[in-house]
């Protein structure tokens, strides 16, 4: 994937993709836009056009819900912050 691909995606993102990205950025959740159709938060893949959520390596575990993706993404952020706090606590 080249930087040009990412620029092209940003220019051509659907309104659903733009909304999902805006929400993730607003929540300060780390994510990656993997393709024109897919966002990734840790091991969770979200397809805004169909609102499908899939976990890496789990073919049968998929569901369609923007609200569920939001809850999962917030939980991933919470876990990341806990790990960061734990790591910083050991440095003291």
PDB file of N, CA and C in Angstrom:
ATOM      1  N   UNK A   1       0.840  -1.176   0.000  1.00  0.00           N
ATOM      2  CA  UNK A   1       0.000   0.000   0.000  1.00  0.00           C
ATOM      3  C   UNK A   1       0.886   1.240   0.000  1.00  0.00           C
ATOM      4  N   UNK A   2       0.635   2.113  -0.929  1.00  0.00           N
ATOM      5  CA  UNK A   2       1.437   3.326  -1.038  1.00  0.00           C
ATOM      6  C   UNK A   2       0.708   4.505  -0.401  1.00  0.00           C
ATOM      7  N   UNK A   3       1.462   5.565  -0.168  1.00  0.00           N
ATOM      8  CA  UNK A   3       0.871   6.795   0.355  1.00  0.00           C
ATOM      9  C   UNK A   3      -0.161   7.333  -0.622  1.00  0.00           C
ATOM     10  N   UNK A   4       0.095   7.160  -1.921  1.00  0.00           N
ATOM     11  CA  UNK A   4      -0.853   7.629  -2.930  1.00  0.00           C
ATOM     12  C   UNK A   4      -2.191   6.914  -2.784  1.00  0.00           C
ATOM     13  N   UNK A   5      -2.158   5.605  -2.498  1.00  0.00           N
ATOM     14  CA  UNK A   5      -3.399   4.862  -2.279  1.00  0.00           C
ATOM     15  C   UNK A   5      -4.188   5.476  -1.128  1.00  0.00           C
ATOM     16  N   UNK A   6      -3.482   5.797  -0.043  1.00  0.00           N
ATOM     17  CA  UNK A   6      -4.143   6.380   1.120  1.00  0.00           C
ATOM     18  C   UNK A   6      -4.755   7.727   0.782  1.00  0.00           C
ATOM     19  N   UNK A   7      -4.058   8.534  -0.004  1.00  0.00           N
ATOM     20  CA  UNK A   7      -4.578   9.840  -0.412  1.00  0.00           C
ATOM     21  C   UNK A   7      -5.816   9.650  -1.275  1.00  0.00           C
ATOM     22  N   UNK A   8      -5.743   8.710  -2.230  1.00  0.00           N
ATOM     23  CA  UNK A   8      -6.898   8.433  -3.086  1.00  0.00           C
ATOM     24  C   UNK A   8      -8.090   7.988  -2.258  1.00  0.00           C
ATOM     25  N   UNK A   9      -7.871   7.147  -1.252  1.00  0.00           N
ATOM     26  CA  UNK A   9      -8.966   6.698  -0.398  1.00  0.00           C
ATOM     27  C   UNK A   9      -9.601   7.880   0.301  1.00  0.00           C
ATOM     28  N   UNK A  10      -8.770   8.727   0.871  1.00  0.00           N
ATOM     29  CA  UNK A  10      -9.286   9.868   1.628  1.00  0.00           C
ATOM     30  C   UNK A  10     -10.155  10.755   0.739  1.00  0.00           C
ATOM     31  N   UNK A  11      -9.751  10.942  -0.496  1.00  0.00           N
ATOM     32  CA  UNK A  11     -10.513  11.784  -1.411  1.00  0.00           C
ATOM     33  C   UNK A  11     -11.817  11.123  -1.844  1.00  0.00           C
ATOM     34  N   UNK A  12     -11.842   9.796  -1.861  1.00  0.00           N
ATOM     35  CA  UNK A  12     -13.002   9.069  -2.381  1.00  0.00           C
ATOM     36  C   UNK A  12     -13.783   8.309  -1.310  1.00  0.00           C
ATOM     37  N   UNK A  13     -13.523   8.581  -0.055  1.00  0.00           N
ATOM     38  CA  UNK A  13     -14.225   7.862   1.012  1.00  0.00           C
ATOM     39  C   UNK A  13     -15.723   8.136   0.958  1.00  0.00           C
ATOM     40  N   UNK A  14     -16.486   7.090   1.242  1.00  0.00           N
ATOM     41  CA  UNK A  14     -17.941   7.228   1.331  1.00  0.00           C
ATOM     42  C   UNK A  14     -18.295   8.063   2.556  1.00  0.00           C
ATOM     43  N   UNK A  15     -19.526   8.505   2.620  1.00  0.00           N
ATOM     44  CA  UNK A  15     -19.943   9.275   3.798  1.00  0.00           C
ATOM     45  C   UNK A  15     -19.909   8.399   5.051  1.00  0.00           C
ATOM     46  N   UNK A  16     -20.205   7.099   4.899  1.00  0.00           N
ATOM     47  CA  UNK A  16     -20.131   6.185   6.049  1.00  0.00           C
ATOM     48  C   UNK A  16     -18.701   6.066   6.556  1.00  0.00           C
ATOM     49  N   UNK A  17     -17.732   5.970   5.636  1.00  0.00           N
ATOM     50  CA  UNK A  17     -16.319   5.878   6.022  1.00  0.00           C
ATOM     51  C   UNK A  17     -15.874   7.181   6.689  1.00  0.00           C
ATOM     52  N   UNK A  18     -16.258   8.309   6.106  1.00  0.00           N
ATOM     53  CA  UNK A  18     -15.884   9.610   6.690  1.00  0.00           C
ATOM     54  C   UNK A  18     -16.445   9.760   8.103  1.00  0.00           C
ATOM     55  N   UNK A  19     -17.678   9.331   8.292  1.00  0.00           N
ATOM     56  CA  UNK A  19     -18.299   9.417   9.622  1.00  0.00           C
ATOM     57  C   UNK A  19     -17.573   8.528  10.628  1.00  0.00           C
ATOM     58  N   UNK A  20     -17.243   7.309  10.208  1.00  0.00           N
ATOM     59  CA  UNK A  20     -16.536   6.384  11.103  1.00  0.00           C
ATOM     60  C   UNK A  20     -15.160   6.937  11.471  1.00  0.00           C
ATOM     61  N   UNK A  21     -14.444   7.463  10.495  1.00  0.00           N
ATOM     62  CA  UNK A  21     -13.120   8.041  10.749  1.00  0.00           C
ATOM     63  C   UNK A  21     -13.238   9.241  11.683  1.00  0.00           C
ATOM     64  N   UNK A  22     -14.205  10.106  11.436  1.00  0.00           N
ATOM     65  CA  UNK A  22     -14.390  11.286  12.295  1.00  0.00           C
ATOM     66  C   UNK A  22     -14.675  10.862  13.732  1.00  0.00           C
ATOM     67  N   UNK A  23     -15.504   9.840  13.913  1.00  0.00           N
ATOM     68  CA  UNK A  23     -15.807   9.366  15.261  1.00  0.00           C
ATOM     69  C   UNK A  23     -14.558   8.806  15.934  1.00  0.00           C
ATOM     70  N   UNK A  24     -13.812   7.956  15.231  1.00  0.00           N
ATOM     71  CA  UNK A  24     -12.587   7.372  15.798  1.00  0.00           C
ATOM     72  C   UNK A  24     -11.588   8.467  16.177  1.00  0.00           C
ATOM     73  N   UNK A  25     -11.399   9.432  15.289  1.00  0.00           N
ATOM     74  CA  UNK A  25     -10.471  10.529  15.587  1.00  0.00           C
ATOM     75  C   UNK A  25     -10.952  11.349  16.772  1.00  0.00           C
ATOM     76  N   UNK A  26     -12.252  11.604  16.839  1.00  0.00           N
ATOM     77  CA  UNK A  26     -12.829  12.354  17.952  1.00  0.00           C
ATOM     78  C   UNK A  26     -12.644  11.657  19.289  1.00  0.00           C
ATOM     79  N   UNK A  27     -12.653  10.327  19.267  1.00  0.00           N
ATOM     80  CA  UNK A  27     -12.458   9.531  20.469  1.00  0.00           C
ATOM     81  C   UNK A  27     -10.979   9.260  20.748  1.00  0.00           C
ATOM     82  N   UNK A  28     -10.121   9.730  19.838  1.00  0.00           N
ATOM     83  CA  UNK A  28      -8.669   9.512  19.946  1.00  0.00           C
ATOM     84  C   UNK A  28      -8.330   8.016  20.000  1.00  0.00           C
ATOM     85  N   UNK A  29      -8.992   7.265  19.137  1.00  0.00           N
ATOM     86  CA  UNK A  29      -8.758   5.827  19.029  1.00  0.00           C
ATOM     87  C   UNK A  29      -7.826   5.586  17.856  1.00  0.00           C
ATOM     88  N   UNK A  30      -6.738   4.844  18.115  1.00  0.00           N
ATOM     89  CA  UNK A  30      -5.798   4.536  17.036  1.00  0.00           C
ATOM     90  C   UNK A  30      -6.432   3.537  16.080  1.00  0.00           C
ATOM     91  N   UNK A  31      -6.355   3.843  14.801  1.00  0.00           N
ATOM     92  CA  UNK A  31      -6.924   2.983  13.775  1.00  0.00           C
ATOM     93  C   UNK A  31      -6.109   3.125  12.503  1.00  0.00           C
ATOM     94  N   UNK A  32      -6.391   2.237  11.572  1.00  0.00           N
ATOM     95  CA  UNK A  32      -5.755   2.304  10.265  1.00  0.00           C
ATOM     96  C   UNK A  32      -6.825   2.076   9.211  1.00  0.00           C
ATOM     97  N   UNK A  33      -6.793   2.869   8.155  1.00  0.00           N
ATOM     98  CA  UNK A  33      -7.679   2.611   7.030  1.00  0.00           C
ATOM     99  C   UNK A  33      -6.926   1.658   6.111  1.00  0.00           C
ATOM    100  N   UNK A  34      -7.374   0.419   6.069  1.00  0.00           N
ATOM    101  CA  UNK A  34      -6.699  -0.649   5.347  1.00  0.00           C
ATOM    102  C   UNK A  34      -7.016  -0.599   3.856  1.00  0.00           C
ATOM    103  N   UNK A  35      -8.212  -0.184   3.534  1.00  0.00           N
ATOM    104  CA  UNK A  35      -8.625  -0.069   2.134  1.00  0.00           C
ATOM    105  C   UNK A  35      -9.710   0.998   2.046  1.00  0.00           C
ATOM    106  N   UNK A  36     -10.215   1.168   0.857  1.00  0.00           N
ATOM    107  CA  UNK A  36     -11.290   2.141   0.663  1.00  0.00           C
ATOM    108  C   UNK A  36     -12.549   1.736   1.434  1.00  0.00           C
ATOM    109  N   UNK A  37     -12.628   0.457   1.820  1.00  0.00           N
ATOM    110  CA  UNK A  37     -13.832  -0.078   2.442  1.00  0.00           C
ATOM    111  C   UNK A  37     -13.654  -0.526   3.883  1.00  0.00           C
ATOM    112  N   UNK A  38     -12.404  -0.535   4.402  1.00  0.00           N
ATOM    113  CA  UNK A  38     -12.121  -1.191   5.680  1.00  0.00           C
ATOM    114  C   UNK A  38     -11.295  -0.326   6.621  1.00  0.00           C
ATOM    115  N   UNK A  39     -11.704  -0.325   7.891  1.00  0.00           N
ATOM    116  CA  UNK A  39     -10.941   0.284   8.983  1.00  0.00           C
ATOM    117  C   UNK A  39     -10.524  -0.823   9.932  1.00  0.00           C
ATOM    118  N   UNK A  40      -9.419  -0.607  10.626  1.00  0.00           N
ATOM    119  CA  UNK A  40      -8.906  -1.623  11.537  1.00  0.00           C
ATOM    120  C   UNK A  40      -8.530  -0.962  12.863  1.00  0.00           C
ATOM    121  N   UNK A  41      -9.032  -1.530  13.950  1.00  0.00           N
ATOM    122  CA  UNK A  41      -8.666  -1.129  15.309  1.00  0.00           C
ATOM    123  C   UNK A  41      -8.152  -2.392  15.977  1.00  0.00           C
ATOM    124  N   UNK A  42      -6.834  -2.466  16.158  1.00  0.00           N
ATOM    125  CA  UNK A  42      -6.201  -3.647  16.733  1.00  0.00           C
ATOM    126  C   UNK A  42      -6.555  -4.865  15.886  1.00  0.00           C
ATOM    127  N   UNK A  43      -7.256  -5.846  16.441  1.00  0.00           N
ATOM    128  CA  UNK A  43      -7.596  -7.062  15.686  1.00  0.00           C
ATOM    129  C   UNK A  43      -9.045  -7.053  15.191  1.00  0.00           C
ATOM    130  N   UNK A  44      -9.650  -5.873  15.187  1.00  0.00           N
ATOM    131  CA  UNK A  44     -11.041  -5.735  14.773  1.00  0.00           C
ATOM    132  C   UNK A  44     -11.104  -4.961  13.454  1.00  0.00           C
ATOM    133  N   UNK A  45     -11.826  -5.521  12.514  1.00  0.00           N
ATOM    134  CA  UNK A  45     -11.992  -4.909  11.196  1.00  0.00           C
ATOM    135  C   UNK A  45     -13.426  -4.414  11.067  1.00  0.00           C
ATOM    136  N   UNK A  46     -13.568  -3.193  10.553  1.00  0.00           N
ATOM    137  CA  UNK A  46     -14.897  -2.617  10.384  1.00  0.00           C
ATOM    138  C   UNK A  46     -15.065  -2.145   8.950  1.00  0.00           C
ATOM    139  N   UNK A  47     -16.198  -2.489   8.372  1.00  0.00           N
ATOM    140  CA  UNK A  47     -16.542  -2.116   7.007  1.00  0.00           C
ATOM    141  C   UNK A  47     -17.752  -1.182   7.075  1.00  0.00           C
ATOM    142  N   UNK A  48     -17.522   0.135   7.056  1.00  0.00           N
ATOM    143  CA  UNK A  48     -18.615   1.088   7.249  1.00  0.00           C
ATOM    144  C   UNK A  48     -19.769   0.951   6.257  1.00  0.00           C
ATOM    145  N   UNK A  49     -19.484   0.608   5.019  1.00  0.00           N
ATOM    146  CA  UNK A  49     -20.543   0.497   4.020  1.00  0.00           C
ATOM    147  C   UNK A  49     -21.604  -0.524   4.386  1.00  0.00           C
ATOM    148  N   UNK A  50     -21.180  -1.643   4.940  1.00  0.00           N
ATOM    149  CA  UNK A  50     -22.117  -2.703   5.334  1.00  0.00           C
ATOM    150  C   UNK A  50     -22.304  -2.782   6.848  1.00  0.00           C
ATOM    151  N   UNK A  51     -21.540  -1.969   7.579  1.00  0.00           N
ATOM    152  CA  UNK A  51     -21.510  -1.966   9.044  1.00  0.00           C
ATOM    153  C   UNK A  51     -21.127  -3.333   9.599  1.00  0.00           C
ATOM    154  N   UNK A  52     -20.318  -4.065   8.861  1.00  0.00           N
ATOM    155  CA  UNK A  52     -19.887  -5.391   9.290  1.00  0.00           C
ATOM    156  C   UNK A  52     -18.629  -5.290  10.141  1.00  0.00           C
ATOM    157  N   UNK A  53     -18.612  -6.042  11.224  1.00  0.00           N
ATOM    158  CA  UNK A  53     -17.469  -6.123  12.127  1.00  0.00           C
ATOM    159  C   UNK A  53     -16.947  -7.552  12.088  1.00  0.00           C
ATOM    160  N   UNK A  54     -15.631  -7.694  11.923  1.00  0.00           N
ATOM    161  CA  UNK A  54     -15.004  -9.024  11.903  1.00  0.00           C
ATOM    162  C   UNK A  54     -13.727  -8.961  12.735  1.00  0.00           C
ATOM    163  N   UNK A  55     -13.446 -10.052  13.417  1.00  0.00           N
ATOM    164  CA  UNK A  55     -12.191 -10.190  14.151  1.00  0.00           C
ATOM    165  C   UNK A  55     -11.187 -10.922  13.283  1.00  0.00           C
ATOM    166  N   UNK A  56      -9.918 -10.571  13.387  1.00  0.00           N
ATOM    167  CA  UNK A  56      -8.865 -11.286  12.676  1.00  0.00           C
ATOM    168  C   UNK A  56      -8.896 -12.759  13.058  1.00  0.00           C
ATOM    169  N   UNK A  57      -8.789 -13.632  12.064  1.00  0.00           N
ATOM    170  CA  UNK A  57      -8.677 -15.062  12.302  1.00  0.00           C
ATOM    171  C   UNK A  57      -9.949 -15.761  12.743  1.00  0.00           C
ATOM    172  N   UNK A  58     -11.052 -15.069  12.784  1.00  0.00           N
ATOM    173  CA  UNK A  58     -12.315 -15.683  13.225  1.00  0.00           C
ATOM    174  C   UNK A  58     -13.354 -15.506  12.123  1.00  0.00           C
ATOM    175  N   UNK A  59     -13.347 -16.440  11.193  1.00  0.00           N
ATOM    176  CA  UNK A  59     -14.216 -16.335  10.023  1.00  0.00           C
ATOM    177  C   UNK A  59     -15.700 -16.282  10.372  1.00  0.00           C
ATOM    178  N   UNK A  60     -16.104 -17.036  11.362  1.00  0.00           N
ATOM    179  CA  UNK A  60     -17.530 -17.117  11.679  1.00  0.00           C
ATOM    180  C   UNK A  60     -17.994 -16.023  12.629  1.00  0.00           C
ATOM    181  N   UNK A  61     -17.067 -15.383  13.302  1.00  0.00           N
ATOM    182  CA  UNK A  61     -17.450 -14.353  14.272  1.00  0.00           C
ATOM    183  C   UNK A  61     -17.519 -13.006  13.562  1.00  0.00           C
ATOM    184  N   UNK A  62     -18.699 -12.667  13.109  1.00  0.00           N
ATOM    185  CA  UNK A  62     -18.924 -11.397  12.440  1.00  0.00           C
ATOM    186  C   UNK A  62     -20.343 -10.942  12.736  1.00  0.00           C
ATOM    187  N   UNK A  63     -20.525  -9.655  12.756  1.00  0.00           N
ATOM    188  CA  UNK A  63     -21.846  -9.113  12.999  1.00  0.00           C
ATOM    189  C   UNK A  63     -21.940  -7.737  12.365  1.00  0.00           C
ATOM    190  N   UNK A  64     -23.125  -7.237  12.228  1.00  0.00           N
ATOM    191  CA  UNK A  64     -23.349  -5.941  11.598  1.00  0.00           C
ATOM    192  C   UNK A  64     -23.947  -4.968  12.599  1.00  0.00           C
ATOM    193  N   UNK A  65     -23.125  -4.023  13.037  1.00  0.00           N
ATOM    194  CA  UNK A  65     -23.617  -3.030  13.987  1.00  0.00           C
ATOM    195  C   UNK A  65     -22.578  -1.939  14.201  1.00  0.00           C
ATOM    196  N   UNK A  66     -22.928  -0.711  13.865  1.00  0.00           N
ATOM    197  CA  UNK A  66     -22.056   0.432  14.118  1.00  0.00           C
ATOM    198  C   UNK A  66     -21.888   0.623  15.626  1.00  0.00           C
ATOM    199  N   UNK A  67     -22.955   0.490  16.374  1.00  0.00           N
ATOM    200  CA  UNK A  67     -22.883   0.647  17.828  1.00  0.00           C
ATOM    201  C   UNK A  67     -21.972  -0.376  18.483  1.00  0.00           C
ATOM    202  N   UNK A  68     -22.011  -1.603  17.998  1.00  0.00           N
ATOM    203  CA  UNK A  68     -21.140  -2.640  18.547  1.00  0.00           C
ATOM    204  C   UNK A  68     -19.678  -2.317  18.235  1.00  0.00           C
ATOM    205  N   UNK A  69     -19.415  -1.849  17.020  1.00  0.00           N
ATOM    206  CA  UNK A  69     -18.048  -1.466  16.674  1.00  0.00           C
ATOM    207  C   UNK A  69     -17.563  -0.333  17.585  1.00  0.00           C
ATOM    208  N   UNK A  70     -18.421   0.628  17.841  1.00  0.00           N
ATOM    209  CA  UNK A  70     -18.049   1.729  18.729  1.00  0.00           C
ATOM    210  C   UNK A  70     -17.686   1.205  20.119  1.00  0.00           C
ATOM    211  N   UNK A  71     -18.501   0.319  20.648  1.00  0.00           N
ATOM    212  CA  UNK A  71     -18.241  -0.241  21.976  1.00  0.00           C
ATOM    213  C   UNK A  71     -16.924  -1.016  21.997  1.00  0.00           C
ATOM    214  N   UNK A  72     -16.675  -1.801  20.970  1.00  0.00           N
ATOM    215  CA  UNK A  72     -15.425  -2.575  20.892  1.00  0.00           C
ATOM    216  C   UNK A  72     -14.230  -1.643  20.788  1.00  0.00           C
ATOM    217  N   UNK A  73     -14.327  -0.620  19.942  1.00  0.00           N
ATOM    218  CA  UNK A  73     -13.221   0.319  19.761  1.00  0.00           C
ATOM    219  C   UNK A  73     -12.913   1.056  21.060  1.00  0.00           C
ATOM    220  N   UNK A  74     -13.948   1.462  21.786  1.00  0.00           N
ATOM    221  CA  UNK A  74     -13.726   2.132  23.076  1.00  0.00           C
ATOM    222  C   UNK A  74     -13.080   1.187  24.085  1.00  0.00           C
ATOM    223  N   UNK A  75     -13.484  -0.072  24.079  1.00  0.00           N
ATOM    224  CA  UNK A  75     -12.881  -1.058  24.981  1.00  0.00           C
ATOM    225  C   UNK A  75     -11.409  -1.278  24.629  1.00  0.00           C
ATOM    226  N   UNK A  76     -11.089  -1.320  23.345  1.00  0.00           N
ATOM    227  CA  UNK A  76      -9.687  -1.477  22.910  1.00  0.00           C
ATOM    228  C   UNK A  76      -8.858  -0.290  23.394  1.00  0.00           C
ATOM    229  N   UNK A  77      -9.424   0.911  23.310  1.00  0.00           N
ATOM    230  CA  UNK A  77      -8.726   2.109  23.785  1.00  0.00           C
ATOM    231  C   UNK A  77      -8.497   2.016  25.293  1.00  0.00           C
ATOM    232  N   UNK A  78      -9.512   1.594  26.018  1.00  0.00           N
ATOM    233  CA  UNK A  78      -9.410   1.445  27.475  1.00  0.00           C
ATOM    234  C   UNK A  78      -8.304   0.454  27.839  1.00  0.00           C
ATOM    235  N   UNK A  79      -8.246  -0.680  27.132  1.00  0.00           N
ATOM    236  CA  UNK A  79      -7.203  -1.684  27.373  1.00  0.00           C
ATOM    237  C   UNK A  79      -5.813  -1.113  27.077  1.00  0.00           C
ATOM    238  N   UNK A  80      -5.720  -0.339  25.998  1.00  0.00           N
ATOM    239  CA  UNK A  80      -4.441   0.270  25.635  1.00  0.00           C
ATOM    240  C   UNK A  80      -3.985   1.255  26.713  1.00  0.00           C
ATOM    241  N   UNK A  81      -4.909   2.049  27.223  1.00  0.00           N
ATOM    242  CA  UNK A  81      -4.575   3.013  28.279  1.00  0.00           C
ATOM    243  C   UNK A  81      -4.148   2.306  29.566  1.00  0.00           C
ATOM    244  N   UNK A  82      -4.809   1.187  29.908  1.00  0.00           N
ATOM    245  CA  UNK A  82      -4.421   0.411  31.091  1.00  0.00           C
ATOM    246  C   UNK A  82      -3.001  -0.126  30.953  1.00  0.00           C
ATOM    247  N   UNK A  83      -2.686  -0.638  29.770  1.00  0.00           N
ATOM    248  CA  UNK A  83      -1.337  -1.157  29.521  1.00  0.00           C
ATOM    249  C   UNK A  83      -0.309  -0.043  29.642  1.00  0.00           C
ATOM    250  N   UNK A  84      -0.637   1.126  29.117  1.00  0.00           N
ATOM    251  CA  UNK A  84       0.264   2.269  29.186  1.00  0.00           C
ATOM    252  C   UNK A  84       0.487   2.696  30.637  1.00  0.00           C
ATOM    253  N   UNK A  85      -0.587   2.746  31.412  1.00  0.00           N
ATOM    254  CA  UNK A  85      -0.472   3.104  32.831  1.00  0.00           C
ATOM    255  C   UNK A  85       0.378   2.090  33.578  1.00  0.00           C
ATOM    256  N   UNK A  86       0.170   0.816  33.287  1.00  0.00           N
ATOM    257  CA  UNK A  86       0.928  -0.253  33.929  1.00  0.00           C
ATOM    258  C   UNK A  86       2.419  -0.111  33.617  1.00  0.00           C
ATOM    259  N   UNK A  87       2.730   0.143  32.355  1.00  0.00           N
ATOM    260  CA  UNK A  87       4.119   0.296  31.907  1.00  0.00           C
ATOM    261  C   UNK A  87       4.755   1.523  32.574  1.00  0.00           C
ATOM    262  N   UNK A  88       4.036   2.625  32.612  1.00  0.00           N
ATOM    263  CA  UNK A  88       4.572   3.832  33.238  1.00  0.00           C
ATOM    264  C   UNK A  88       4.736   3.649  34.736  1.00  0.00           C
ATOM    265  N   UNK A  89       3.852   2.887  35.361  1.00  0.00           N
ATOM    266  CA  UNK A  89       3.940   2.619  36.800  1.00  0.00           C
ATOM    267  C   UNK A  89       5.188   1.855  37.156  1.00  0.00           C
ATOM    268  N   UNK A  90       5.653   0.960  36.278  1.00  0.00           N
ATOM    269  CA  UNK A  90       6.866   0.203  36.524  1.00  0.00           C
ATOM    270  C   UNK A  90       8.116   1.030  36.351  1.00  0.00           C
ATOM    271  N   UNK A  91       8.015   2.136  35.601  1.00  0.00           N
ATOM    272  CA  UNK A  91       9.169   2.994  35.375  1.00  0.00           C
ATOM    273  C   UNK A  91       9.454   3.902  36.557  1.00  0.00           C
ATOM    274  N   UNK A  92       8.487   4.055  37.464  1.00  0.00           N
ATOM    275  CA  UNK A  92       8.661   4.982  38.596  1.00  0.00           C
ATOM    276  C   UNK A  92       9.558   4.452  39.661  1.00  0.00           C
TER     277      UNK A  92
END
